[in-house]
Amino acid sequence: MSRKKARDYAYKLVFEWLFNKENTEESPSIGPIFEDNDINLSDKDYIKTVVAGVESNYDGLCALIESNSRNFRIDRIFKPDLAALLLSAYELKFMPDIPPAVSISEILDIVKTYSTPDSYVFVNGVLAGIYKEIGGNK
């Protein structure tokens, strides 16, 4: 399985979590994801790490996103875009082994798939600001 597919699964779990705020490991969605024969142990670990990381760092990630989204409070951001922003912001801030360009590029592909036609411009702008704010030197 590619990291791209694992990131797609993680995005879907973060999106689901935004609505129910329950521990993702207890989510009925996690079973079918981990039963996918294409998913390897490394991908499972990645998914668990980023989803748990988003959950446990939610408030800080929201503050980071909000400070880089001009005139948009978190509660005004379209949920598919917020899920993407949370996932990529977590990777940018806490996963230095993932190149920032890869994290941003792949999340923009996800946004183009699951969100509105113009959402990727907004998400890209916010992520560019986050990248600069956290140092932009990884």
C-alpha atoms as a PDB file:
ATOM      1  CA  MET A   1       0.000   0.000   0.000  1.00  0.00           C
ATOM      2  CA  SER A   2       1.216   3.459  -0.656  1.00  0.00           C
ATOM      3  CA  ARG A   3       1.407   6.236   1.891  1.00  0.00           C
ATOM      4  CA  LYS A   4      -1.017   8.081  -0.366  1.00  0.00           C
ATOM      5  CA  LYS A   5      -3.736   5.498   0.271  1.00  0.00           C
ATOM      6  CA  ALA A   6      -2.915   5.436   3.989  1.00  0.00           C
ATOM      7  CA  ARG A   7      -3.224   9.244   4.084  1.00  0.00           C
ATOM      8  CA  ASP A   8      -6.619   8.959   2.378  1.00  0.00           C
ATOM      9  CA  TYR A   9      -7.771   6.517   5.058  1.00  0.00           C
ATOM     10  CA  ALA A  10      -6.412   8.782   7.813  1.00  0.00           C
ATOM     11  CA  TYR A  11      -8.247  11.749   6.265  1.00  0.00           C
ATOM     12  CA  LYS A  12     -11.533   9.838   6.338  1.00  0.00           C
ATOM     13  CA  LEU A  13     -11.038   8.904   9.995  1.00  0.00           C
ATOM     14  CA  VAL A  14     -10.209  12.498  10.969  1.00  0.00           C
ATOM     15  CA  PHE A  15     -13.273  13.687   9.048  1.00  0.00           C
ATOM     16  CA  GLU A  16     -15.449  11.166  10.914  1.00  0.00           C
ATOM     17  CA  TRP A  17     -13.874  12.174  14.233  1.00  0.00           C
ATOM     18  CA  LEU A  18     -14.817  15.817  13.650  1.00  0.00           C
ATOM     19  CA  PHE A  19     -18.463  14.807  13.941  1.00  0.00           C
ATOM     20  CA  ASN A  20     -18.465  12.288  16.772  1.00  0.00           C
ATOM     21  CA  LYS A  21     -15.320  13.209  18.793  1.00  0.00           C
ATOM     22  CA  GLU A  22     -15.060   9.602  19.966  1.00  0.00           C
ATOM     23  CA  ASN A  23     -11.855   7.634  20.199  1.00  0.00           C
ATOM     24  CA  THR A  24     -11.105   6.581  16.651  1.00  0.00           C
ATOM     25  CA  GLU A  25      -9.776   3.174  17.729  1.00  0.00           C
ATOM     26  CA  GLU A  26     -13.359   2.337  18.742  1.00  0.00           C
ATOM     27  CA  SER A  27     -14.830   3.629  15.484  1.00  0.00           C
ATOM     28  CA  PRO A  28     -16.682   1.098  13.357  1.00  0.00           C
ATOM     29  CA  SER A  29     -14.808   2.531  10.359  1.00  0.00           C
ATOM     30  CA  ILE A  30     -11.392   1.436  11.594  1.00  0.00           C
ATOM     31  CA  GLY A  31     -12.099  -2.295  11.211  1.00  0.00           C
ATOM     32  CA  PRO A  32     -12.707  -2.319   7.465  1.00  0.00           C
ATOM     33  CA  ILE A  33      -9.704  -0.046   6.917  1.00  0.00           C
ATOM     34  CA  PHE A  34      -7.368  -2.367   8.794  1.00  0.00           C
ATOM     35  CA  GLU A  35      -8.861  -5.429   7.098  1.00  0.00           C
ATOM     36  CA  ASP A  36      -7.809  -4.039   3.711  1.00  0.00           C
ATOM     37  CA  ASN A  37      -5.309  -6.578   2.361  1.00  0.00           C
ATOM     38  CA  ASP A  38      -3.288  -3.784   0.754  1.00  0.00           C
ATOM     39  CA  ILE A  39      -2.494  -2.143   4.077  1.00  0.00           C
ATOM     40  CA  ASN A  40       0.795  -3.104   5.701  1.00  0.00           C
ATOM     41  CA  LEU A  41       1.988  -2.692   9.287  1.00  0.00           C
ATOM     42  CA  SER A  42       3.852   0.535   8.527  1.00  0.00           C
ATOM     43  CA  ASP A  43       0.717   2.065   6.999  1.00  0.00           C
ATOM     44  CA  LYS A  44      -1.396   0.970   9.989  1.00  0.00           C
ATOM     45  CA  ASP A  45       1.122   2.605  12.315  1.00  0.00           C
ATOM     46  CA  TYR A  46       1.061   5.796  10.243  1.00  0.00           C
ATOM     47  CA  ILE A  47      -2.754   5.925  10.312  1.00  0.00           C
ATOM     48  CA  LYS A  48      -2.908   5.287  14.062  1.00  0.00           C
ATOM     49  CA  THR A  49      -0.192   7.866  14.734  1.00  0.00           C
ATOM     50  CA  VAL A  50      -1.649  10.728  12.710  1.00  0.00           C
ATOM     51  CA  VAL A  51      -5.261  10.160  13.730  1.00  0.00           C
ATOM     52  CA  ALA A  52      -4.382   9.845  17.423  1.00  0.00           C
ATOM     53  CA  GLY A  53      -2.078  12.848  17.024  1.00  0.00           C
ATOM     54  CA  VAL A  54      -4.830  14.988  15.533  1.00  0.00           C
ATOM     55  CA  GLU A  55      -7.182  13.930  18.316  1.00  0.00           C
ATOM     56  CA  SER A  56      -4.732  14.647  21.141  1.00  0.00           C
ATOM     57  CA  ASN A  57      -3.411  17.901  19.635  1.00  0.00           C
ATOM     58  CA  TYR A  58      -6.736  19.170  18.301  1.00  0.00           C
ATOM     59  CA  ASP A  59      -6.851  22.467  20.204  1.00  0.00           C
ATOM     60  CA  GLY A  60      -3.280  23.411  19.321  1.00  0.00           C
ATOM     61  CA  LEU A  61      -3.740  22.430  15.685  1.00  0.00           C
ATOM     62  CA  CYS A  62      -6.955  24.460  15.522  1.00  0.00           C
ATOM     63  CA  ALA A  63      -5.143  27.496  16.936  1.00  0.00           C
ATOM     64  CA  LEU A  64      -2.402  27.041  14.327  1.00  0.00           C
ATOM     65  CA  ILE A  65      -4.959  26.722  11.522  1.00  0.00           C
ATOM     66  CA  GLU A  66      -7.038  29.642  12.736  1.00  0.00           C
ATOM     67  CA  SER A  67      -4.004  31.927  13.004  1.00  0.00           C
ATOM     68  CA  ASN A  68      -3.215  31.192   9.355  1.00  0.00           C
ATOM     69  CA  SER A  69      -6.739  31.358   7.924  1.00  0.00           C
ATOM     70  CA  ARG A  70      -7.583  34.970   7.400  1.00  0.00           C
ATOM     71  CA  ASN A  71     -11.007  35.877   8.730  1.00  0.00           C
ATOM     72  CA  PHE A  72     -12.086  32.256   9.205  1.00  0.00           C
ATOM     73  CA  ARG A  73     -12.780  30.854  12.644  1.00  0.00           C
ATOM     74  CA  ILE A  74     -12.488  27.093  12.955  1.00  0.00           C
ATOM     75  CA  ASP A  75     -16.262  26.702  13.199  1.00  0.00           C
ATOM     76  CA  ARG A  76     -16.634  28.419   9.800  1.00  0.00           C
ATOM     77  CA  ILE A  77     -14.217  26.142   7.927  1.00  0.00           C
ATOM     78  CA  PHE A  78     -15.907  23.524   5.746  1.00  0.00           C
ATOM     79  CA  LYS A  79     -15.454  20.165   7.525  1.00  0.00           C
ATOM     80  CA  PRO A  80     -13.770  18.364   4.608  1.00  0.00           C
ATOM     81  CA  ASP A  81     -11.239  21.218   4.428  1.00  0.00           C
ATOM     82  CA  LEU A  82     -10.767  21.228   8.201  1.00  0.00           C
ATOM     83  CA  ALA A  83     -10.053  17.492   8.230  1.00  0.00           C
ATOM     84  CA  ALA A  84      -7.413  18.003   5.544  1.00  0.00           C
ATOM     85  CA  LEU A  85      -5.890  20.977   7.360  1.00  0.00           C
ATOM     86  CA  LEU A  86      -5.730  19.083  10.655  1.00  0.00           C
ATOM     87  CA  LEU A  87      -4.064  16.074   9.073  1.00  0.00           C
ATOM     88  CA  SER A  88      -1.468  18.038   7.143  1.00  0.00           C
ATOM     89  CA  ALA A  89      -0.829  20.488  10.010  1.00  0.00           C
ATOM     90  CA  TYR A  90      -0.134  17.521  12.282  1.00  0.00           C
ATOM     91  CA  GLU A  91       2.302  16.062   9.762  1.00  0.00           C
ATOM     92  CA  LEU A  92       4.042  19.414   9.254  1.00  0.00           C
ATOM     93  CA  LYS A  93       4.410  20.053  12.965  1.00  0.00           C
ATOM     94  CA  PHE A  94       5.064  16.608  14.410  1.00  0.00           C
ATOM     95  CA  MET A  95       6.372  14.332  11.646  1.00  0.00           C
ATOM     96  CA  PRO A  96       9.709  15.660  10.379  1.00  0.00           C
ATOM     97  CA  ASP A  97      10.333  12.424   8.469  1.00  0.00           C
ATOM     98  CA  ILE A  98       7.573  13.388   6.002  1.00  0.00           C
ATOM     99  CA  PRO A  99       8.767  16.035   3.532  1.00  0.00           C
ATOM    100  CA  PRO A 100       6.495  19.097   3.830  1.00  0.00           C
ATOM    101  CA  ALA A 101       6.054  19.260   0.045  1.00  0.00           C
ATOM    102  CA  VAL A 102       4.751  15.683   0.037  1.00  0.00           C
ATOM    103  CA  SER A 103       2.363  16.289   2.918  1.00  0.00           C
ATOM    104  CA  ILE A 104       0.955  19.440   1.324  1.00  0.00           C
ATOM    105  CA  SER A 105       0.791  18.054  -2.212  1.00  0.00           C
ATOM    106  CA  GLU A 106      -0.975  14.845  -1.216  1.00  0.00           C
ATOM    107  CA  ILE A 107      -3.458  16.593   1.042  1.00  0.00           C
ATOM    108  CA  LEU A 108      -4.292  18.973  -1.802  1.00  0.00           C
ATOM    109  CA  ASP A 109      -5.058  15.948  -3.992  1.00  0.00           C
ATOM    110  CA  ILE A 110      -7.400  14.702  -1.270  1.00  0.00           C
ATOM    111  CA  VAL A 111      -9.076  18.120  -1.055  1.00  0.00           C
ATOM    112  CA  LYS A 112      -9.562  18.151  -4.832  1.00  0.00           C
ATOM    113  CA  THR A 113     -11.240  14.743  -4.536  1.00  0.00           C
ATOM    114  CA  TYR A 114     -13.495  15.277  -1.510  1.00  0.00           C
ATOM    115  CA  SER A 115     -14.154  19.007  -1.247  1.00  0.00           C
ATOM    116  CA  THR A 116     -15.333  21.913  -3.367  1.00  0.00           C
ATOM    117  CA  PRO A 117     -13.549  22.889  -6.597  1.00  0.00           C
ATOM    118  CA  ASP A 118     -11.984  25.994  -5.025  1.00  0.00           C
ATOM    119  CA  SER A 119     -11.162  24.560  -1.595  1.00  0.00           C
ATOM    120  CA  TYR A 120      -7.640  23.531  -2.520  1.00  0.00           C
ATOM    121  CA  VAL A 121      -6.675  27.215  -2.955  1.00  0.00           C
ATOM    122  CA  PHE A 122      -7.821  28.010   0.593  1.00  0.00           C
ATOM    123  CA  VAL A 123      -6.192  24.885   2.068  1.00  0.00           C
ATOM    124  CA  ASN A 124      -2.945  25.542   0.202  1.00  0.00           C
ATOM    125  CA  GLY A 125      -2.811  29.113   1.498  1.00  0.00           C
ATOM    126  CA  VAL A 126      -3.408  28.078   5.104  1.00  0.00           C
ATOM    127  CA  LEU A 127      -0.816  25.295   4.884  1.00  0.00           C
ATOM    128  CA  ALA A 128       1.736  27.685   3.376  1.00  0.00           C
ATOM    129  CA  GLY A 129       1.235  29.959   6.370  1.00  0.00           C
ATOM    130  CA  ILE A 130       1.541  27.053   8.802  1.00  0.00           C
ATOM    131  CA  TYR A 131       4.715  25.890   7.103  1.00  0.00           C
ATOM    132  CA  LYS A 132       6.238  29.361   7.465  1.00  0.00           C
ATOM    133  CA  GLU A 133       5.049  29.704  11.058  1.00  0.00           C
ATOM    134  CA  ILE A 134       6.578  26.454  12.250  1.00  0.00           C
ATOM    135  CA  GLY A 135       9.923  27.237  10.731  1.00  0.00           C
ATOM    136  CA  GLY A 136       9.691  26.071   7.149  1.00  0.00           C
ATOM    137  CA  ASN A 137      13.161  24.605   7.352  1.00  0.00           C
ATOM    138  CA  LYS A 138      12.569  20.878   7.589  1.00  0.00           C
END
